[in-house]
Amino acid sequence: MVIKVVKGNPTAEELAAALAVVQARAAALASAPSGAPRVADEWSAPARVARRRLPRPGPRAWGRTYWPG
């Protein structure tokens, strides 16, 4: 695995912490049973994206799509 810092200048401690997280995640994925179905993350659920009703079309509908109502 090759990890490259493309922006910024991390300290040795920051880089070590980031690598520890990546290695822990890779180890967790490797130890998970391969036959078990993966549960979709809640943050990526389509129902979460469209919880509120969409604005009705009209002269000011474009403004209601951005600003919280």
N, C-alpha and C. Protein backbone atom coordinates (compact mmCIF):
# COMPACT_ATOMS: atom_id res chain seq x y z
N MET A 1 0.85 -1.17 0.00
CA MET A 1 0.00 0.00 0.00
C MET A 1 0.90 1.23 0.00
N VAL A 2 0.59 2.17 -0.87
CA VAL A 2 1.36 3.40 -0.96
C VAL A 2 0.43 4.55 -0.61
N ILE A 3 0.86 5.38 0.34
CA ILE A 3 0.10 6.56 0.73
C ILE A 3 0.97 7.76 0.46
N LYS A 4 0.38 8.75 -0.19
CA LYS A 4 1.14 9.93 -0.59
C LYS A 4 0.44 11.18 -0.06
N VAL A 5 1.18 12.05 0.58
CA VAL A 5 0.64 13.33 1.05
C VAL A 5 0.71 14.29 -0.13
N VAL A 6 -0.46 14.77 -0.58
CA VAL A 6 -0.49 15.64 -1.75
C VAL A 6 -0.63 17.11 -1.39
N LYS A 7 -1.01 17.40 -0.14
CA LYS A 7 -1.15 18.80 0.25
C LYS A 7 -0.83 18.93 1.73
N GLY A 8 -0.14 19.95 2.08
CA GLY A 8 0.20 20.19 3.47
C GLY A 8 1.54 19.59 3.83
N ASN A 9 1.90 19.75 5.08
CA ASN A 9 3.17 19.25 5.57
C ASN A 9 2.93 18.65 6.95
N PRO A 10 2.45 17.39 7.03
CA PRO A 10 2.13 16.80 8.33
C PRO A 10 3.40 16.50 9.12
N THR A 11 3.24 16.57 10.43
CA THR A 11 4.35 16.19 11.30
C THR A 11 4.43 14.67 11.32
N ALA A 12 5.50 14.18 11.88
CA ALA A 12 5.66 12.72 11.97
C ALA A 12 4.55 12.10 12.81
N GLU A 13 4.13 12.78 13.87
CA GLU A 13 3.06 12.26 14.73
C GLU A 13 1.72 12.24 13.99
N GLU A 14 1.42 13.29 13.23
CA GLU A 14 0.18 13.34 12.47
C GLU A 14 0.14 12.25 11.41
N LEU A 15 1.25 12.04 10.74
CA LEU A 15 1.33 11.01 9.72
C LEU A 15 1.19 9.62 10.33
N ALA A 16 1.80 9.41 11.48
CA ALA A 16 1.70 8.12 12.17
C ALA A 16 0.26 7.86 12.61
N ALA A 17 -0.43 8.88 13.09
CA ALA A 17 -1.82 8.71 13.51
C ALA A 17 -2.71 8.36 12.32
N ALA A 18 -2.51 9.03 11.19
CA ALA A 18 -3.30 8.76 10.00
C ALA A 18 -3.05 7.33 9.50
N LEU A 19 -1.80 6.92 9.49
CA LEU A 19 -1.48 5.56 9.05
C LEU A 19 -2.05 4.51 10.00
N ALA A 20 -2.07 4.80 11.29
CA ALA A 20 -2.64 3.85 12.25
C ALA A 20 -4.12 3.65 11.99
N VAL A 21 -4.83 4.72 11.65
CA VAL A 21 -6.26 4.61 11.34
C VAL A 21 -6.47 3.78 10.07
N VAL A 22 -5.67 4.05 9.05
CA VAL A 22 -5.80 3.30 7.79
C VAL A 22 -5.49 1.82 8.01
N GLN A 23 -4.45 1.53 8.77
CA GLN A 23 -4.09 0.13 9.03
C GLN A 23 -5.15 -0.57 9.87
N ALA A 24 -5.72 0.12 10.84
CA ALA A 24 -6.77 -0.48 11.66
C ALA A 24 -8.00 -0.80 10.82
N ARG A 25 -8.36 0.11 9.94
CA ARG A 25 -9.52 -0.12 9.06
C ARG A 25 -9.27 -1.29 8.11
N ALA A 26 -8.06 -1.37 7.57
CA ALA A 26 -7.73 -2.47 6.66
C ALA A 26 -7.74 -3.80 7.41
N ALA A 27 -7.25 -3.81 8.64
CA ALA A 27 -7.25 -5.04 9.44
C ALA A 27 -8.67 -5.47 9.78
N ALA A 28 -9.54 -4.50 10.07
CA ALA A 28 -10.93 -4.83 10.39
C ALA A 28 -11.65 -5.41 9.17
N LEU A 29 -11.38 -4.86 8.00
CA LEU A 29 -12.00 -5.38 6.78
C LEU A 29 -11.46 -6.76 6.43
N ALA A 30 -10.19 -6.99 6.69
CA ALA A 30 -9.59 -8.28 6.37
C ALA A 30 -10.09 -9.37 7.31
N SER A 31 -10.40 -9.02 8.55
CA SER A 31 -10.84 -10.03 9.51
C SER A 31 -12.33 -10.29 9.45
N ALA A 32 -13.09 -9.46 8.74
CA ALA A 32 -14.53 -9.66 8.62
C ALA A 32 -14.81 -10.88 7.76
N PRO A 33 -15.82 -11.67 8.14
CA PRO A 33 -16.15 -12.83 7.32
C PRO A 33 -16.61 -12.40 5.93
N SER A 34 -16.08 -13.06 4.92
CA SER A 34 -16.38 -12.64 3.55
C SER A 34 -17.79 -13.05 3.12
N GLY A 35 -18.39 -14.04 3.76
CA GLY A 35 -19.72 -14.48 3.37
C GLY A 35 -20.84 -13.65 3.97
N ALA A 36 -20.52 -12.83 4.95
CA ALA A 36 -21.55 -12.03 5.60
C ALA A 36 -21.97 -10.87 4.71
N PRO A 37 -23.27 -10.59 4.63
CA PRO A 37 -23.71 -9.46 3.81
C PRO A 37 -23.29 -8.15 4.46
N ARG A 38 -22.89 -7.21 3.63
CA ARG A 38 -22.47 -5.91 4.14
C ARG A 38 -23.70 -5.05 4.37
N VAL A 39 -23.74 -4.39 5.50
CA VAL A 39 -24.83 -3.49 5.83
C VAL A 39 -24.49 -2.11 5.27
N ALA A 40 -25.43 -1.54 4.53
CA ALA A 40 -25.19 -0.22 3.96
C ALA A 40 -25.11 0.82 5.07
N ASP A 41 -24.22 1.75 4.91
CA ASP A 41 -24.09 2.82 5.89
C ASP A 41 -25.32 3.70 5.85
N GLU A 42 -25.73 4.16 7.03
CA GLU A 42 -26.93 4.99 7.12
C GLU A 42 -26.74 6.33 6.41
N TRP A 43 -25.53 6.88 6.40
CA TRP A 43 -25.33 8.19 5.80
C TRP A 43 -25.53 8.18 4.30
N SER A 44 -25.42 7.01 3.67
CA SER A 44 -25.58 6.95 2.23
C SER A 44 -26.98 6.53 1.80
N ALA A 45 -27.89 6.39 2.74
CA ALA A 45 -29.25 5.97 2.42
C ALA A 45 -29.99 7.06 1.64
N PRO A 46 -30.65 6.71 0.53
CA PRO A 46 -31.38 7.71 -0.25
C PRO A 46 -32.48 8.39 0.55
N ALA A 47 -33.09 7.68 1.50
CA ALA A 47 -34.17 8.28 2.29
C ALA A 47 -33.64 9.41 3.16
N ARG A 48 -32.40 9.36 3.54
CA ARG A 48 -31.81 10.42 4.37
C ARG A 48 -31.64 11.70 3.56
N VAL A 49 -31.36 11.56 2.29
CA VAL A 49 -31.12 12.72 1.45
C VAL A 49 -32.42 13.49 1.22
N ALA A 50 -33.53 12.81 1.05
CA ALA A 50 -34.80 13.45 0.72
C ALA A 50 -35.79 13.33 1.87
N ARG A 51 -35.41 13.77 3.05
CA ARG A 51 -36.32 13.69 4.19
C ARG A 51 -37.41 14.75 4.12
N ARG A 52 -37.06 15.94 3.66
CA ARG A 52 -38.06 17.00 3.56
C ARG A 52 -38.71 16.97 2.19
N ARG A 53 -39.88 17.56 2.13
CA ARG A 53 -40.55 17.64 0.83
C ARG A 53 -39.82 18.61 -0.07
N LEU A 54 -39.81 18.30 -1.33
CA LEU A 54 -39.17 19.18 -2.31
C LEU A 54 -40.06 20.39 -2.55
N PRO A 55 -39.47 21.55 -2.86
CA PRO A 55 -40.28 22.75 -3.10
C PRO A 55 -41.09 22.61 -4.39
N ARG A 56 -42.23 23.24 -4.38
CA ARG A 56 -43.05 23.22 -5.59
C ARG A 56 -42.47 24.20 -6.60
N PRO A 57 -42.57 23.88 -7.88
CA PRO A 57 -42.06 24.80 -8.90
C PRO A 57 -42.82 26.12 -8.87
N GLY A 58 -42.12 27.17 -9.12
CA GLY A 58 -42.73 28.49 -9.14
C GLY A 58 -41.65 29.54 -9.37
N PRO A 59 -42.04 30.80 -9.33
CA PRO A 59 -41.08 31.85 -9.61
C PRO A 59 -39.91 31.90 -8.62
N ARG A 60 -40.12 31.50 -7.38
CA ARG A 60 -39.05 31.58 -6.38
C ARG A 60 -38.59 30.19 -5.94
N ALA A 61 -38.90 29.16 -6.69
CA ALA A 61 -38.54 27.80 -6.29
C ALA A 61 -37.03 27.61 -6.24
N TRP A 62 -36.28 28.29 -7.10
CA TRP A 62 -34.83 28.14 -7.10
C TRP A 62 -34.24 28.60 -5.77
N GLY A 63 -34.81 29.62 -5.16
CA GLY A 63 -34.30 30.12 -3.88
C GLY A 63 -34.60 29.17 -2.74
N ARG A 64 -35.73 28.49 -2.82
CA ARG A 64 -36.11 27.57 -1.75
C ARG A 64 -35.31 26.27 -1.83
N THR A 65 -34.67 26.01 -2.95
CA THR A 65 -33.88 24.78 -3.03
C THR A 65 -32.56 24.91 -2.28
N TYR A 66 -32.08 26.12 -2.07
CA TYR A 66 -30.81 26.31 -1.37
C TYR A 66 -30.98 26.73 0.08
N TRP A 67 -31.77 27.73 0.33
CA TRP A 67 -31.88 28.27 1.68
C TRP A 67 -32.81 27.42 2.54
N PRO A 68 -32.38 27.08 3.76
CA PRO A 68 -33.25 26.29 4.63
C PRO A 68 -34.52 27.05 4.95
N GLY A 69 -35.61 26.35 4.97
CA GLY A 69 -36.90 26.98 5.13
C GLY A 69 -37.31 27.02 6.52
